[in-house]
Amino acid sequence: MNMSIRDARQSLPRLEQIMAAEGEITITRHGRPIARIVPLTSTHRPAPSHAGLRASMPLQETPSEVLLGEERDSR
């Protein structure tokens, strides 16, 4: 369902009912899409693991404290 931003503001009290009926709403401004409202259950993803992210990144050959010290000393 497409809805202008003005209509969206006026429909906020009924948003839950509209979402139940439509499932997804595209908000438009001057006829151009600017936002999409989707049910949380369809887009909910678990937060990424910081440990997993760190494990996936390659280790630097030079420790960051050495790089920072060199940068500081070069000023």
N, C-alpha and C. Protein backbone atom coordinates (compact mmCIF):
# COMPACT_ATOMS: atom_id res chain seq x y z
N MET A 1 0.84 -1.17 0.00
CA MET A 1 0.00 0.00 0.00
C MET A 1 0.89 1.24 0.00
N ASN A 2 0.58 2.20 -0.85
CA ASN A 2 1.27 3.49 -0.86
C ASN A 2 0.45 4.49 -0.08
N MET A 3 1.16 5.35 0.65
CA MET A 3 0.49 6.35 1.48
C MET A 3 1.35 7.60 1.50
N SER A 4 0.74 8.76 1.31
CA SER A 4 1.50 10.00 1.38
C SER A 4 1.93 10.24 2.82
N ILE A 5 2.92 11.06 2.99
CA ILE A 5 3.40 11.35 4.34
C ILE A 5 2.31 12.03 5.17
N ARG A 6 1.50 12.85 4.54
CA ARG A 6 0.38 13.49 5.24
C ARG A 6 -0.63 12.45 5.72
N ASP A 7 -0.98 11.52 4.83
CA ASP A 7 -1.91 10.46 5.21
C ASP A 7 -1.32 9.58 6.32
N ALA A 8 -0.02 9.34 6.26
CA ALA A 8 0.64 8.52 7.28
C ALA A 8 0.54 9.19 8.65
N ARG A 9 0.79 10.49 8.69
CA ARG A 9 0.68 11.21 9.97
C ARG A 9 -0.73 11.12 10.53
N GLN A 10 -1.71 11.28 9.67
CA GLN A 10 -3.10 11.24 10.12
C GLN A 10 -3.53 9.83 10.50
N SER A 11 -2.86 8.82 9.97
CA SER A 11 -3.24 7.43 10.21
C SER A 11 -2.50 6.79 11.37
N LEU A 12 -1.61 7.51 12.03
CA LEU A 12 -0.82 6.91 13.11
C LEU A 12 -1.68 6.23 14.18
N PRO A 13 -2.81 6.81 14.60
CA PRO A 13 -3.60 6.10 15.61
C PRO A 13 -4.12 4.74 15.14
N ARG A 14 -4.24 4.55 13.83
CA ARG A 14 -4.76 3.29 13.27
C ARG A 14 -3.67 2.44 12.63
N LEU A 15 -2.41 2.76 12.89
CA LEU A 15 -1.30 2.10 12.21
C LEU A 15 -1.32 0.58 12.41
N GLU A 16 -1.61 0.13 13.60
CA GLU A 16 -1.63 -1.31 13.86
C GLU A 16 -2.69 -2.00 13.01
N GLN A 17 -3.85 -1.39 12.88
CA GLN A 17 -4.92 -1.97 12.05
C GLN A 17 -4.53 -1.98 10.57
N ILE A 18 -3.93 -0.90 10.12
CA ILE A 18 -3.51 -0.81 8.72
C ILE A 18 -2.45 -1.85 8.42
N MET A 19 -1.49 -2.01 9.33
CA MET A 19 -0.42 -3.00 9.13
C MET A 19 -1.00 -4.41 9.08
N ALA A 20 -1.98 -4.69 9.93
CA ALA A 20 -2.60 -6.02 9.93
C ALA A 20 -3.29 -6.29 8.59
N ALA A 21 -3.91 -5.27 8.03
CA ALA A 21 -4.62 -5.45 6.77
C ALA A 21 -3.70 -5.45 5.55
N GLU A 22 -2.69 -4.60 5.56
CA GLU A 22 -1.84 -4.41 4.37
C GLU A 22 -0.53 -5.16 4.42
N GLY A 23 0.08 -5.29 5.60
CA GLY A 23 1.35 -5.99 5.74
C GLY A 23 2.56 -5.11 5.51
N GLU A 24 2.48 -4.19 4.56
CA GLU A 24 3.60 -3.31 4.26
C GLU A 24 3.05 -1.99 3.74
N ILE A 25 3.68 -0.89 4.16
CA ILE A 25 3.24 0.43 3.73
C ILE A 25 4.44 1.18 3.18
N THR A 26 4.28 1.77 2.00
CA THR A 26 5.32 2.64 1.43
C THR A 26 4.87 4.08 1.61
N ILE A 27 5.70 4.88 2.27
CA ILE A 27 5.39 6.29 2.51
C ILE A 27 5.99 7.09 1.36
N THR A 28 5.19 7.99 0.80
CA THR A 28 5.66 8.79 -0.32
C THR A 28 5.61 10.28 0.01
N ARG A 29 6.48 11.03 -0.65
CA ARG A 29 6.46 12.50 -0.57
C ARG A 29 6.51 12.99 -2.02
N HIS A 30 5.52 13.75 -2.40
CA HIS A 30 5.42 14.23 -3.78
C HIS A 30 5.46 13.07 -4.77
N GLY A 31 4.85 11.95 -4.39
CA GLY A 31 4.77 10.80 -5.27
C GLY A 31 6.00 9.91 -5.31
N ARG A 32 7.06 10.29 -4.61
CA ARG A 32 8.29 9.48 -4.59
C ARG A 32 8.40 8.73 -3.26
N PRO A 33 8.72 7.45 -3.30
CA PRO A 33 8.87 6.69 -2.05
C PRO A 33 10.01 7.24 -1.20
N ILE A 34 9.75 7.40 0.11
CA ILE A 34 10.79 7.87 1.03
C ILE A 34 11.02 6.90 2.19
N ALA A 35 10.06 6.02 2.45
CA ALA A 35 10.21 5.08 3.57
C ALA A 35 9.29 3.89 3.34
N ARG A 36 9.62 2.82 4.02
CA ARG A 36 8.79 1.62 3.97
C ARG A 36 8.59 1.12 5.38
N ILE A 37 7.37 0.84 5.74
CA ILE A 37 7.06 0.28 7.06
C ILE A 37 6.68 -1.17 6.83
N VAL A 38 7.40 -2.06 7.49
CA VAL A 38 7.15 -3.50 7.36
C VAL A 38 6.96 -4.08 8.76
N PRO A 39 6.24 -5.18 8.86
CA PRO A 39 6.07 -5.81 10.18
C PRO A 39 7.43 -6.24 10.73
N LEU A 40 7.62 -6.09 12.00
CA LEU A 40 8.89 -6.41 12.64
C LEU A 40 9.25 -7.87 12.46
N THR A 41 8.31 -8.75 12.49
CA THR A 41 8.62 -10.18 12.40
C THR A 41 9.22 -10.55 11.06
N SER A 42 8.91 -9.80 9.99
CA SER A 42 9.44 -10.17 8.68
C SER A 42 10.87 -9.68 8.47
N THR A 43 11.33 -8.71 9.25
CA THR A 43 12.67 -8.17 9.04
C THR A 43 13.57 -8.34 10.26
N HIS A 44 13.06 -8.95 11.32
CA HIS A 44 13.83 -9.06 12.55
C HIS A 44 14.98 -10.05 12.37
N ARG A 45 16.18 -9.56 12.60
CA ARG A 45 17.37 -10.40 12.55
C ARG A 45 18.08 -10.27 13.89
N PRO A 46 18.69 -11.33 14.37
CA PRO A 46 19.43 -11.21 15.62
C PRO A 46 20.64 -10.29 15.43
N ALA A 47 21.02 -9.63 16.49
CA ALA A 47 22.19 -8.76 16.44
C ALA A 47 23.43 -9.60 16.18
N PRO A 48 24.35 -9.09 15.37
CA PRO A 48 25.56 -9.88 15.10
C PRO A 48 26.40 -10.03 16.34
N SER A 49 27.12 -11.10 16.40
CA SER A 49 28.01 -11.37 17.52
C SER A 49 29.28 -10.56 17.35
N HIS A 50 29.66 -9.79 18.36
CA HIS A 50 30.91 -9.04 18.29
C HIS A 50 32.10 -9.99 18.25
N ALA A 51 32.00 -11.09 18.98
CA ALA A 51 33.09 -12.06 18.98
C ALA A 51 33.24 -12.66 17.58
N GLY A 52 32.11 -12.94 16.94
CA GLY A 52 32.15 -13.49 15.59
C GLY A 52 32.74 -12.50 14.60
N LEU A 53 32.40 -11.22 14.77
CA LEU A 53 32.93 -10.18 13.90
C LEU A 53 34.45 -10.06 14.07
N ARG A 54 34.90 -10.03 15.33
CA ARG A 54 36.34 -9.93 15.59
C ARG A 54 37.08 -11.14 15.02
N ALA A 55 36.47 -12.32 15.15
CA ALA A 55 37.12 -13.54 14.66
C ALA A 55 37.21 -13.54 13.14
N SER A 56 36.27 -12.86 12.48
CA SER A 56 36.28 -12.87 11.01
C SER A 56 37.25 -11.85 10.42
N MET A 57 37.76 -10.93 11.25
CA MET A 57 38.68 -9.90 10.75
C MET A 57 40.12 -10.40 10.84
N PRO A 58 40.91 -10.13 9.80
CA PRO A 58 42.31 -10.56 9.86
C PRO A 58 43.09 -9.74 10.90
N LEU A 59 44.07 -10.36 11.51
CA LEU A 59 44.91 -9.65 12.46
C LEU A 59 45.87 -8.74 11.72
N GLN A 60 46.18 -7.59 12.32
CA GLN A 60 47.15 -6.68 11.72
C GLN A 60 48.55 -7.23 11.96
N GLU A 61 49.41 -6.97 10.99
CA GLU A 61 50.80 -7.41 11.16
C GLU A 61 51.50 -6.58 12.23
N THR A 62 51.16 -5.29 12.30
CA THR A 62 51.76 -4.38 13.28
C THR A 62 50.68 -4.02 14.30
N PRO A 63 50.93 -4.19 15.59
CA PRO A 63 49.92 -3.86 16.60
C PRO A 63 49.51 -2.38 16.52
N SER A 64 48.27 -2.10 16.86
CA SER A 64 47.75 -0.74 16.75
C SER A 64 48.50 0.24 17.65
N GLU A 65 48.98 -0.20 18.81
CA GLU A 65 49.71 0.73 19.68
C GLU A 65 51.01 1.20 19.04
N VAL A 66 51.63 0.33 18.24
CA VAL A 66 52.85 0.72 17.53
C VAL A 66 52.51 1.73 16.44
N LEU A 67 51.45 1.47 15.68
CA LEU A 67 51.04 2.38 14.63
C LEU A 67 50.67 3.75 15.19
N LEU A 68 49.95 3.77 16.32
CA LEU A 68 49.56 5.03 16.94
C LEU A 68 50.80 5.78 17.46
N GLY A 69 51.74 5.05 18.05
CA GLY A 69 52.97 5.68 18.53
C GLY A 69 53.77 6.30 17.39
N GLU A 70 53.86 5.59 16.27
CA GLU A 70 54.57 6.12 15.11
C GLU A 70 53.86 7.37 14.57
N GLU A 71 52.55 7.33 14.52
CA GLU A 71 51.78 8.49 14.04
C GLU A 71 52.01 9.69 14.96
N ARG A 72 51.96 9.45 16.24
CA ARG A 72 52.14 10.52 17.22
C ARG A 72 53.55 11.10 17.14
N ASP A 73 54.56 10.24 16.99
CA ASP A 73 55.94 10.68 16.93
C ASP A 73 56.27 11.44 15.66
N SER A 74 55.51 11.19 14.59
CA SER A 74 55.79 11.86 13.32
C SER A 74 55.27 13.31 13.28
N ARG A 75 54.52 13.72 14.25
CA ARG A 75 53.97 15.09 14.28
C ARG A 75 54.96 16.08 14.79
